[in-house]
Amino acid sequence: MTTAQLIAAWQSGEPWFTSWVDHSANAIGLSLYNFLNILNINQIWLYGRSCAFGENWLNTIIRQTGFNPFDRDEGPSVKATQIGFGQLSRAQQVLGIGYLYVEAQLRQI
């Protein structure tokens, strides 16, 4: 199944696909929660076809990022991190990746 087919099935409201997409957002959010506990990240921008799942999907990710089974109070890393859909064009993304590659190569000199 392609991402486009999954998005179309989700948009049609098919319960199995809706549940699958919701579970994926929960899994992504919990994964980001684990990363935020060990890394100092200020911004996370999501790109790609999955952004077509929209704001509810994003809000599920954000909510799960703040989930802590041992402490119901949000930790400081959650409050300090912004998560959203990226706004860069494809050309800007490629240019940024190119700059990162060049910087990495220059560090090896």
Protein backbone atom coordinates (compact mmCIF):
# COMPACT_ATOMS: atom_id res chain seq x y z
CA MET A 1 0.00 0.00 0.00
CA THR A 2 1.34 3.42 -0.90
CA THR A 3 1.17 6.46 1.35
CA ALA A 4 -1.30 8.06 -1.07
CA GLN A 5 -3.59 5.02 -0.80
CA LEU A 6 -3.35 5.06 2.99
CA ILE A 7 -4.21 8.76 3.11
CA ALA A 8 -7.17 8.21 0.77
CA ALA A 9 -8.46 5.33 2.93
CA TRP A 10 -8.02 7.42 6.07
CA GLN A 11 -9.81 10.40 4.49
CA SER A 12 -12.73 8.15 3.54
CA GLY A 13 -13.15 7.39 7.24
CA GLU A 14 -12.59 3.65 7.10
CA PRO A 15 -12.36 2.65 10.79
CA TRP A 16 -9.45 0.23 10.43
CA PHE A 17 -7.31 2.85 8.68
CA THR A 18 -8.37 5.60 11.07
CA SER A 19 -7.29 3.44 13.98
CA TRP A 20 -4.03 2.56 12.25
CA VAL A 21 -3.19 6.23 11.63
CA ASP A 22 -4.07 7.16 15.24
CA HIS A 23 -1.86 4.36 16.56
CA SER A 24 1.00 5.52 14.34
CA ALA A 25 0.71 9.06 15.72
CA ASN A 26 0.82 7.66 19.27
CA ALA A 27 3.92 5.61 18.44
CA ILE A 28 5.67 8.58 16.84
CA GLY A 29 4.82 10.76 19.84
CA LEU A 30 6.14 8.22 22.34
CA SER A 31 9.32 7.83 20.30
CA LEU A 32 9.82 11.59 20.30
CA TYR A 33 9.18 11.63 24.05
CA ASN A 34 12.06 9.18 24.51
CA PHE A 35 14.35 11.32 22.33
CA LEU A 36 13.41 14.49 24.20
CA ASN A 37 14.41 12.87 27.48
CA ILE A 38 17.99 12.38 26.29
CA LEU A 39 18.50 15.20 23.77
CA ASN A 40 18.17 18.96 23.99
CA ILE A 41 15.90 19.62 21.01
CA ASN A 42 14.10 22.94 20.56
CA GLN A 43 12.22 22.33 17.33
CA ILE A 44 10.94 19.31 15.43
CA TRP A 45 9.54 19.94 11.96
CA LEU A 46 7.69 17.15 10.19
CA TYR A 47 7.81 16.85 6.41
CA GLY A 48 6.55 14.42 3.83
CA ARG A 49 3.31 12.83 2.73
CA SER A 50 2.25 11.87 6.24
CA CYS A 51 1.63 15.57 6.96
CA ALA A 52 -1.57 15.13 4.93
CA PHE A 53 -3.06 13.47 8.02
CA GLY A 54 -3.48 16.99 9.36
CA GLU A 55 -3.69 18.82 12.64
CA ASN A 56 -5.46 16.08 14.65
CA TRP A 57 -2.66 13.67 13.77
CA LEU A 58 -0.06 16.29 14.72
CA ASN A 59 -1.88 17.04 17.99
CA THR A 60 -1.84 13.33 18.88
CA ILE A 61 1.92 13.29 18.35
CA ILE A 62 2.36 16.41 20.47
CA ARG A 63 0.12 15.01 23.23
CA GLN A 64 2.03 11.70 23.30
CA THR A 65 5.35 13.55 23.38
CA GLY A 66 4.31 14.96 26.75
CA PHE A 67 3.12 11.62 28.15
CA ASN A 68 5.04 10.34 31.14
CA PRO A 69 3.57 7.31 32.93
CA PHE A 70 5.49 8.15 36.11
CA ASP A 71 4.93 11.89 36.30
CA ARG A 72 1.69 13.47 35.09
CA ASP A 73 3.31 16.93 35.11
CA GLU A 74 4.83 17.93 31.79
CA GLY A 75 8.60 17.99 31.91
CA PRO A 76 10.58 21.09 30.93
CA SER A 77 11.82 19.47 27.71
CA VAL A 78 8.25 19.08 26.46
CA LYS A 79 7.39 22.71 27.16
CA ALA A 80 10.57 23.91 25.45
CA THR A 81 10.13 21.88 22.26
CA GLN A 82 8.00 23.03 19.36
CA ILE A 83 6.60 20.34 17.07
CA GLY A 84 4.88 21.23 13.83
CA PHE A 85 4.64 20.80 10.11
CA GLY A 86 7.64 22.19 8.27
CA GLN A 87 7.16 25.12 5.91
CA LEU A 88 10.23 24.77 3.68
CA SER A 89 9.83 24.09 -0.02
CA ARG A 90 11.36 20.94 -1.48
CA ALA A 91 14.19 23.05 -2.96
CA GLN A 92 14.92 24.62 0.44
CA GLN A 93 14.97 21.17 2.07
CA VAL A 94 17.46 19.86 -0.48
CA LEU A 95 19.62 22.98 -0.09
CA GLY A 96 19.65 22.54 3.69
CA ILE A 97 20.62 18.88 3.37
CA GLY A 98 23.41 19.96 1.02
CA TYR A 99 24.72 22.48 3.56
CA LEU A 100 24.69 19.83 6.30
CA TYR A 101 26.64 17.46 4.06
CA VAL A 102 29.25 20.12 3.22
CA GLU A 103 29.61 21.08 6.89
CA ALA A 104 30.15 17.43 7.81
CA GLN A 105 32.79 17.06 5.11
CA LEU A 106 34.59 20.25 6.20
CA ARG A 107 34.77 18.98 9.79
CA GLN A 108 36.77 16.00 8.56
CA ILE A 109 39.47 18.19 7.04
